[in-house]
N, C-alpha and C. Protein backbone atom coordinates (compact mmCIF):
# COMPACT_ATOMS: atom_id res chain seq x y z
N MET A 1 -18.16 40.23 34.92
CA MET A 1 -18.20 40.26 33.35
C MET A 1 -18.95 38.99 32.88
N THR A 2 -19.39 38.95 31.91
CA THR A 2 -20.03 37.34 31.30
C THR A 2 -19.57 37.19 30.01
N GLU A 3 -19.39 36.18 29.34
CA GLU A 3 -18.68 35.65 28.07
C GLU A 3 -19.89 36.25 27.20
N GLN A 4 -19.49 36.05 26.26
CA GLN A 4 -20.29 36.48 24.91
C GLN A 4 -21.53 35.44 25.49
N GLY A 5 -22.83 35.75 25.13
CA GLY A 5 -23.61 33.97 24.38
C GLY A 5 -23.78 33.56 26.09
N SER A 6 -23.05 33.82 27.44
CA SER A 6 -23.35 33.50 28.42
C SER A 6 -23.68 33.97 29.47
N SER A 7 -24.68 34.03 30.29
CA SER A 7 -25.04 34.47 31.29
C SER A 7 -24.34 34.33 32.42
N VAL A 8 -23.22 33.28 32.58
CA VAL A 8 -23.13 32.54 33.70
C VAL A 8 -21.41 33.63 33.91
N PRO A 9 -21.29 34.31 34.80
CA PRO A 9 -20.63 35.28 34.88
C PRO A 9 -18.52 34.06 35.30
N ARG A 10 -17.96 35.41 34.63
CA ARG A 10 -16.57 34.66 33.97
C ARG A 10 -15.92 34.58 35.53
N ALA A 11 -15.20 33.70 35.57
CA ALA A 11 -14.22 33.40 36.68
C ALA A 11 -13.14 34.67 36.37
N GLU A 12 -12.85 35.98 37.73
CA GLU A 12 -11.82 36.33 37.76
C GLU A 12 -10.57 35.48 38.36
N PRO A 13 -9.36 36.12 37.50
CA PRO A 13 -8.16 35.17 38.15
C PRO A 13 -8.08 35.73 40.28
N ALA A 14 -7.54 34.97 40.98
CA ALA A 14 -7.21 35.09 42.18
C ALA A 14 -6.85 36.81 42.21
N GLY A 15 -6.89 37.50 43.22
CA GLY A 15 -6.24 38.88 43.77
C GLY A 15 -6.70 39.86 42.07
N ALA A 16 -7.26 39.16 41.39
CA ALA A 16 -8.01 40.52 40.37
C ALA A 16 -8.57 42.12 41.01
N ASN A 17 -8.99 41.69 41.52
CA ASN A 17 -9.76 42.61 42.49
C ASN A 17 -8.90 43.55 43.41
N VAL A 18 -7.79 43.42 44.30
CA VAL A 18 -7.18 43.65 44.89
C VAL A 18 -6.09 44.98 44.45
N GLN A 19 -6.55 45.71 45.80
CA GLN A 19 -6.06 46.94 45.41
C GLN A 19 -5.24 47.22 46.87
N PRO A 20 -3.82 47.25 47.23
CA PRO A 20 -3.82 47.29 48.21
C PRO A 20 -2.94 48.60 48.43
N ARG A 21 -2.78 49.86 47.84
CA ARG A 21 -2.56 51.29 48.12
C ARG A 21 -3.10 51.74 48.42
N PRO A 22 -4.86 51.76 48.12
CA PRO A 22 -5.84 52.57 48.57
C PRO A 22 -6.09 51.56 50.13
N ARG A 23 -6.60 50.52 49.74
CA ARG A 23 -6.35 50.17 51.92
C ARG A 23 -5.69 50.78 52.42
N ARG A 24 -4.05 50.34 52.24
CA ARG A 24 -3.05 50.89 52.90
C ARG A 24 -2.96 52.18 53.58
N ALA A 25 -3.76 53.37 52.17
CA ALA A 25 -3.42 54.38 52.24
C ALA A 25 -5.26 55.13 53.45
N GLY A 26 -5.73 54.42 53.18
CA GLY A 26 -7.47 54.44 53.74
C GLY A 26 -7.25 54.19 55.27
N ARG A 27 -5.85 53.13 55.37
CA ARG A 27 -5.58 52.36 56.89
C ARG A 27 -4.18 53.58 57.53
N GLY A 28 -4.58 54.59 56.81
CA GLY A 28 -2.75 55.26 57.13
C GLY A 28 -1.66 54.45 57.28
N LEU A 29 -1.56 52.88 56.45
CA LEU A 29 -0.48 52.33 56.63
C LEU A 29 0.50 53.13 55.48
N GLY A 30 0.61 53.72 54.08
CA GLY A 30 1.08 54.11 52.74
C GLY A 30 2.09 55.17 53.36
N PRO A 31 2.95 55.38 52.66
CA PRO A 31 3.36 56.76 52.74
C PRO A 31 3.06 57.66 52.55
N ARG A 32 3.49 58.85 53.65
CA ARG A 32 2.48 59.75 53.97
C ARG A 32 1.79 61.14 53.02
N ASP A 33 2.17 61.17 52.09
CA ASP A 33 1.66 61.10 50.41
C ASP A 33 0.20 60.60 50.26
N TYR A 34 0.33 59.40 50.26
CA TYR A 34 -1.30 58.69 49.69
C TYR A 34 -2.20 58.49 50.54
N TYR A 35 -3.64 59.27 50.10
CA TYR A 35 -4.42 59.49 50.39
C TYR A 35 -5.43 58.63 50.01
N VAL A 36 -6.56 58.49 50.39
CA VAL A 36 -8.00 58.15 49.68
C VAL A 36 -8.62 59.21 49.77
N LEU A 37 -8.90 59.57 48.49
CA LEU A 37 -9.85 60.77 48.07
C LEU A 37 -11.05 60.65 47.76
N GLN A 38 -11.97 60.87 48.63
CA GLN A 38 -13.34 60.88 48.32
C GLN A 38 -14.54 61.89 48.01
N VAL A 39 -15.25 62.05 47.18
CA VAL A 39 -15.68 62.75 46.46
C VAL A 39 -17.67 62.65 46.51
N ARG A 40 -17.99 63.24 46.25
CA ARG A 40 -19.84 63.45 46.09
C ARG A 40 -20.19 63.03 44.41
N GLY A 41 -20.50 62.09 43.93
CA GLY A 41 -20.69 61.88 42.61
C GLY A 41 -21.99 63.37 41.88
N ARG A 42 -21.68 63.67 41.16
CA ARG A 42 -22.40 64.81 40.78
C ARG A 42 -23.95 64.57 40.29
N LYS A 43 -24.23 63.22 39.77
CA LYS A 43 -25.18 63.00 39.36
C LYS A 43 -26.25 61.83 40.39
N SER A 44 -25.21 61.08 41.20
CA SER A 44 -25.98 60.08 41.72
C SER A 44 -25.54 60.21 43.34
N GLY A 45 -24.98 61.35 43.40
CA GLY A 45 -24.87 61.80 44.77
C GLY A 45 -23.80 61.12 45.87
N ARG A 46 -23.80 59.86 45.55
CA ARG A 46 -23.17 58.58 46.36
C ARG A 46 -21.49 58.91 46.34
N LEU A 47 -21.09 58.73 47.71
CA LEU A 47 -19.38 59.09 47.92
C LEU A 47 -18.70 57.98 47.09
N PHE A 48 -17.80 58.76 46.62
CA PHE A 48 -16.95 57.76 45.52
C PHE A 48 -15.60 57.96 46.04
N SER A 49 -14.54 56.91 46.41
CA SER A 49 -13.24 56.99 46.83
C SER A 49 -12.77 56.28 45.59
N THR A 50 -10.92 57.12 45.71
CA THR A 50 -10.12 56.73 44.74
C THR A 50 -8.78 57.16 45.77
N PRO A 51 -7.53 56.25 45.12
CA PRO A 51 -6.11 56.49 45.71
C PRO A 51 -5.71 57.36 45.10
N VAL A 52 -4.70 58.91 45.85
CA VAL A 52 -3.94 59.97 45.35
C VAL A 52 -3.01 60.13 45.90
N ASN A 53 -2.44 60.76 45.07
CA ASN A 53 -0.88 61.36 45.81
C ASN A 53 -1.02 62.56 45.93
N VAL A 54 -0.54 63.23 47.19
CA VAL A 54 -0.47 64.52 47.22
C VAL A 54 1.19 65.47 47.45
N ILE A 55 1.14 66.35 45.97
CA ILE A 55 2.48 66.81 46.53
C ILE A 55 1.93 68.19 46.72
N GLU A 56 3.37 68.66 47.95
CA GLU A 56 3.43 69.62 48.52
C GLU A 56 4.80 71.02 48.15
N LEU A 57 4.32 71.86 47.60
CA LEU A 57 5.65 72.22 47.15
C LEU A 57 5.79 73.99 47.89
N GLN A 58 6.55 74.21 48.39
CA GLN A 58 6.83 75.43 49.06
C GLN A 58 5.52 75.90 50.36
N GLY A 59 5.18 74.90 50.93
CA GLY A 59 3.68 75.20 51.90
C GLY A 59 2.44 74.88 51.04
N THR A 60 1.91 74.74 49.96
CA THR A 60 1.16 74.83 49.41
C THR A 60 1.11 73.32 48.46
N ARG A 61 -0.70 72.69 49.06
CA ARG A 61 -0.59 71.10 48.90
C ARG A 61 -1.31 71.21 47.67
N PHE A 62 -1.00 70.17 46.54
CA PHE A 62 -2.04 70.00 44.98
C PHE A 62 -2.48 68.82 44.69
N LEU A 63 -3.21 68.40 44.08
CA LEU A 63 -3.36 67.41 44.00
C LEU A 63 -3.70 67.36 42.15
N VAL A 64 -2.91 66.31 41.99
CA VAL A 64 -2.68 66.19 40.51
C VAL A 64 -3.73 65.16 40.19
N ALA A 65 -4.07 64.99 38.85
CA ALA A 65 -4.92 63.87 37.79
C ALA A 65 -4.06 63.57 36.63
N PRO A 66 -3.29 62.50 37.20
CA PRO A 66 -2.51 61.83 36.28
C PRO A 66 -3.11 61.01 34.44
N ARG A 67 -4.36 61.12 35.17
CA ARG A 67 -4.94 60.11 33.92
C ARG A 67 -5.41 61.44 33.25
N GLY A 68 -5.41 62.37 33.28
CA GLY A 68 -6.26 63.36 32.85
C GLY A 68 -7.82 63.78 33.20
N ARG A 69 -8.85 64.60 33.00
CA ARG A 69 -10.17 64.68 33.52
C ARG A 69 -10.89 63.34 33.58
N THR A 70 -10.36 63.04 34.94
CA THR A 70 -11.48 61.40 35.24
C THR A 70 -12.35 61.91 35.74
N GLN A 71 -13.45 60.80 36.27
CA GLN A 71 -14.36 61.28 36.84
C GLN A 71 -14.71 61.63 38.45
N TRP A 72 -12.85 61.32 39.39
CA TRP A 72 -12.97 62.19 40.56
C TRP A 72 -12.95 63.93 39.71
N VAL A 73 -12.16 64.11 38.81
CA VAL A 73 -11.77 65.28 38.39
C VAL A 73 -13.19 66.41 38.30
N ARG A 74 -14.09 65.43 37.70
CA ARG A 74 -15.35 66.06 36.94
C ARG A 74 -16.33 65.88 38.43
N ASN A 75 -16.04 65.09 39.56
CA ASN A 75 -17.10 65.14 40.43
C ASN A 75 -16.38 66.35 41.41
N GLY A 76 -15.09 66.43 41.49
CA GLY A 76 -14.59 67.13 42.18
C GLY A 76 -14.72 68.98 41.47
N ASP A 77 -14.95 69.34 40.12
CA ASP A 77 -14.65 70.21 40.06
C ASP A 77 -16.43 71.01 39.88
N ALA A 78 -17.71 69.74 40.32
CA ALA A 78 -19.28 69.94 40.37
C ALA A 78 -19.26 70.11 41.78
N ALA A 79 -18.58 69.12 43.04
CA ALA A 79 -18.68 69.42 44.47
C ALA A 79 -18.26 70.53 44.56
N GLY A 80 -17.21 71.29 44.17
CA GLY A 80 -16.22 72.15 44.90
C GLY A 80 -15.31 71.93 46.00
N GLU A 81 -15.50 70.65 46.38
CA GLU A 81 -14.69 70.19 47.34
C GLU A 81 -14.70 68.81 47.29
N VAL A 82 -13.67 68.42 47.76
CA VAL A 82 -13.34 66.84 48.31
C VAL A 82 -12.86 66.31 49.91
N ALA A 83 -12.27 65.51 50.12
CA ALA A 83 -12.01 65.21 51.58
C ALA A 83 -10.69 64.09 51.21
N LEU A 84 -9.94 64.03 51.66
CA LEU A 84 -8.70 63.36 52.20
C LEU A 84 -8.79 62.28 53.21
N LYS A 85 -9.07 61.17 53.05
CA LYS A 85 -9.21 60.37 54.25
C LYS A 85 -7.16 59.60 54.42
N ARG A 86 -7.08 59.59 55.23
CA ARG A 86 -5.79 58.74 55.89
C ARG A 86 -5.93 57.99 57.24
N GLY A 87 -5.89 56.83 57.07
CA GLY A 87 -6.34 56.41 58.86
C GLY A 87 -7.73 56.72 59.12
N ARG A 88 -8.14 57.30 60.04
CA ARG A 88 -8.96 57.65 61.19
C ARG A 88 -8.98 59.36 60.66
N ASN A 89 -7.82 60.05 59.86
CA ASN A 89 -8.16 61.28 59.52
C ASN A 89 -8.70 61.63 58.43
N VAL A 90 -9.78 62.42 58.35
CA VAL A 90 -9.99 63.10 57.69
C VAL A 90 -10.61 64.58 57.09
N GLN A 91 -10.42 64.65 56.02
CA GLN A 91 -9.40 66.64 56.06
C GLN A 91 -10.13 66.64 54.60
N ARG A 92 -11.48 67.56 54.88
CA ARG A 92 -12.23 68.24 54.16
C ARG A 92 -11.26 69.38 53.26
N PHE A 93 -11.23 69.22 51.76
CA PHE A 93 -10.75 70.68 50.90
C PHE A 93 -11.33 71.19 50.03
N ARG A 94 -11.64 72.28 49.26
CA ARG A 94 -11.90 73.18 49.18
C ARG A 94 -10.77 73.14 47.66
N LEU A 95 -11.52 72.89 46.25
CA LEU A 95 -10.26 72.88 45.05
C LEU A 95 -10.46 73.79 44.25
N ARG A 96 -9.21 74.19 44.28
CA ARG A 96 -8.81 76.19 43.27
C ARG A 96 -8.07 75.19 41.95
N ALA A 97 -8.55 75.32 40.72
CA ALA A 97 -8.03 74.64 39.60
C ALA A 97 -6.58 75.86 39.10
N ILE A 98 -5.56 75.47 38.91
CA ILE A 98 -4.16 75.89 38.89
C ILE A 98 -4.67 76.75 36.75
N PRO A 99 -3.97 77.19 36.22
CA PRO A 99 -4.54 77.69 35.24
C PRO A 99 -3.48 77.01 34.80
N ASP A 100 -2.86 76.61 33.32
CA ASP A 100 -2.46 75.73 32.60
C ASP A 100 -0.81 76.48 32.82
N ILE A 101 -0.58 78.56 33.06
CA ILE A 101 0.38 78.56 32.87
C ILE A 101 1.48 77.86 34.52
N GLY A 102 0.88 77.84 35.23
CA GLY A 102 0.66 77.57 36.73
C GLY A 102 1.79 75.67 36.77
N LYS A 103 0.83 75.35 35.55
CA LYS A 103 0.81 73.83 35.95
C LYS A 103 2.66 73.15 35.73
N PRO A 104 3.63 73.40 34.59
CA PRO A 104 4.77 72.61 34.77
C PRO A 104 5.42 72.37 36.38
N SER A 105 5.73 73.42 36.65
CA SER A 105 6.67 73.34 38.10
C SER A 105 5.65 72.40 38.62
N VAL A 106 4.34 72.24 39.24
CA VAL A 106 3.68 71.59 39.75
C VAL A 106 3.45 69.74 39.45
N LEU A 107 3.94 69.79 37.79
CA LEU A 107 3.69 68.87 37.32
C LEU A 107 5.06 67.81 37.22
N ARG A 108 6.23 68.92 37.11
CA ARG A 108 7.60 68.35 37.11
C ARG A 108 7.54 67.79 38.31
N ALA A 109 7.28 68.27 39.59
CA ALA A 109 7.72 68.12 40.80
C ALA A 109 6.58 66.54 41.08
N TYR A 110 5.73 66.54 40.93
CA TYR A 110 4.88 65.34 40.71
C TYR A 110 5.32 63.89 40.33
N LEU A 111 6.04 64.44 39.22
CA LEU A 111 6.65 63.30 38.32
C LEU A 111 7.82 63.11 38.91
N ASP A 112 8.79 63.69 38.95
CA ASP A 112 9.71 63.27 40.04
C ASP A 112 9.76 63.04 41.33
N ARG A 113 8.44 62.79 42.27
CA ARG A 113 8.10 62.30 43.21
C ARG A 113 7.68 60.81 43.46
N PHE A 114 6.60 60.99 42.20
CA PHE A 114 6.15 59.45 42.22
C PHE A 114 6.44 59.03 40.69
N THR A 115 7.29 59.30 40.00
CA THR A 115 8.16 58.70 38.88
C THR A 115 7.26 57.05 38.81
N ALA A 116 7.88 56.00 39.98
CA ALA A 116 6.96 54.69 39.61
C ALA A 116 6.08 54.47 39.47
N THR A 117 4.80 55.28 39.93
CA THR A 117 3.38 54.83 39.71
C THR A 117 3.01 55.93 38.67
N THR A 118 3.38 57.21 38.69
CA THR A 118 3.30 57.77 37.45
C THR A 118 3.63 58.07 35.99
N ARG A 119 5.26 57.36 35.87
CA ARG A 119 5.45 57.93 34.89
C ARG A 119 4.85 57.63 33.39
N ARG A 120 4.41 56.56 33.31
CA ARG A 120 3.63 55.98 32.10
C ARG A 120 2.19 56.78 31.70
N TYR A 121 2.13 57.83 32.42
CA TYR A 121 1.15 58.78 32.17
C TYR A 121 1.21 59.85 31.29
N PHE A 122 2.92 60.51 31.76
CA PHE A 122 3.25 61.24 30.90
C PHE A 122 4.68 60.58 30.00
N PRO A 123 4.01 61.80 28.62
CA PRO A 123 5.10 61.57 28.05
C PRO A 123 6.52 62.22 28.01
N VAL A 124 6.32 62.97 28.94
CA VAL A 124 7.76 63.49 29.36
C VAL A 124 8.84 62.90 29.95
N PRO A 125 9.83 62.44 30.31
CA PRO A 125 10.43 61.72 31.09
C PRO A 125 10.26 62.52 32.66
N ALA A 126 10.99 61.92 33.32
CA ALA A 126 11.16 62.52 34.99
C ALA A 126 12.04 63.32 35.05
N GLY A 127 12.33 64.39 35.37
CA GLY A 127 13.87 65.13 35.50
C GLY A 127 13.77 65.96 34.37
N SER A 128 12.93 66.05 33.66
CA SER A 128 12.75 67.13 32.69
C SER A 128 12.85 68.60 32.89
N PRO A 129 12.83 69.56 32.07
CA PRO A 129 12.95 70.92 33.52
C PRO A 129 11.26 71.43 32.96
N PRO A 130 10.83 72.09 33.59
CA PRO A 130 9.32 72.69 33.58
C PRO A 130 8.75 73.03 32.34
N GLU A 131 10.06 73.49 32.01
CA GLU A 131 9.45 74.57 30.41
C GLU A 131 9.41 72.65 29.57
N ALA A 132 9.67 71.73 29.88
CA ALA A 132 8.74 70.27 28.72
C ALA A 132 7.76 70.25 29.57
N PHE A 133 6.99 70.79 30.21
CA PHE A 133 5.49 70.40 30.33
C PHE A 133 4.58 71.25 30.74
N ALA A 134 4.85 72.67 29.64
CA ALA A 134 4.09 73.78 29.37
C ALA A 134 3.59 73.35 28.17
N ALA A 135 4.17 71.58 27.02
CA ALA A 135 2.81 72.10 26.18
C ALA A 135 2.02 70.95 26.43
N ILE A 136 2.32 70.34 27.78
CA ILE A 136 1.11 69.28 27.98
C ILE A 136 0.35 69.43 29.34
N ALA A 137 0.82 70.69 29.91
CA ALA A 137 0.10 71.28 31.07
C ALA A 137 -1.64 71.04 30.85
N PRO A 138 -2.15 71.51 29.41
CA PRO A 138 -4.01 71.56 29.21
C PRO A 138 -4.20 69.89 29.87
N ARG A 139 -3.64 68.84 29.70
CA ARG A 139 -3.71 67.70 29.52
C ARG A 139 -4.01 67.31 30.59
N TYR A 140 -3.78 67.84 32.45
CA TYR A 140 -4.08 67.74 33.49
C TYR A 140 -4.15 68.39 34.08
N PRO A 141 -5.60 68.07 34.67
CA PRO A 141 -5.71 68.77 35.89
C PRO A 141 -4.97 68.95 37.10
N VAL A 142 -4.60 70.03 37.49
CA VAL A 142 -4.04 70.12 39.03
C VAL A 142 -4.92 71.03 39.88
N PHE A 143 -5.03 70.46 40.96
CA PHE A 143 -6.21 71.71 42.03
C PHE A 143 -4.66 72.25 42.77
N GLU A 144 -5.29 73.24 44.00
CA GLU A 144 -4.94 73.45 44.78
C GLU A 144 -5.14 73.22 45.98
N LEU A 145 -4.99 72.72 47.42
CA LEU A 145 -5.64 72.33 48.17
C LEU A 145 -6.18 73.53 48.89
N LEU A 146 -7.23 74.05 49.55
CA LEU A 146 -7.58 74.73 50.40
C LEU A 146 -8.35 74.13 51.19
N PRO A 147 -7.95 74.31 52.86
CA PRO A 147 -8.43 73.35 54.18
C PRO A 147 -9.56 74.20 54.05
N LEU A 148 -10.73 73.24 54.31
CA LEU A 148 -12.44 73.94 54.04
C LEU A 148 -12.25 73.49 56.21
N ASP A 149 -11.92 72.63 57.20
CA ASP A 149 -11.82 72.27 58.58
C ASP A 149 -10.76 71.89 58.92
N GLN A 150 -10.39 71.76 59.75
CA GLN A 150 -9.45 71.10 60.69
C GLN A 150 -9.39 69.65 61.61
N GLU A 151 -10.53 69.09 60.96
CA GLU A 151 -10.92 67.47 61.86
C GLU A 151 -9.76 66.83 61.62
N ARG A 152 -10.08 66.11 62.53
CA ARG A 152 -8.91 64.79 63.14
C ARG A 152 -9.34 63.83 63.00
């Protein structure tokens, strides 16, 4: 970033670009449900990575976008598949969008499980009944993860 009227880059505070969670998840050191999502860019074709939390309900794994329709969501929609990396393990998944009617119970479980890192993105407090999530469900993309392969 440059300051206005200057072509000299502005110094960033020490540690400004430190992102411990993605690095830890990418190395397999974080909690078991932290992953690095990898997806191809819909325009550039470049591989993009971002940290995500995966929630499992009754044996089904879901990916929730707590910040709404972000770039990884758009890229995942366009590509139709993503990869989840944890340490050296990389698994590929097809994304199946969950309709708004099916989102409240997943959103509730997601917010209850990841309250510390996601509560600021939800206008509903953790512990609310699933009905409280029905009105906000259209704002939050939720995908079922369908395995494409069993690579390790």
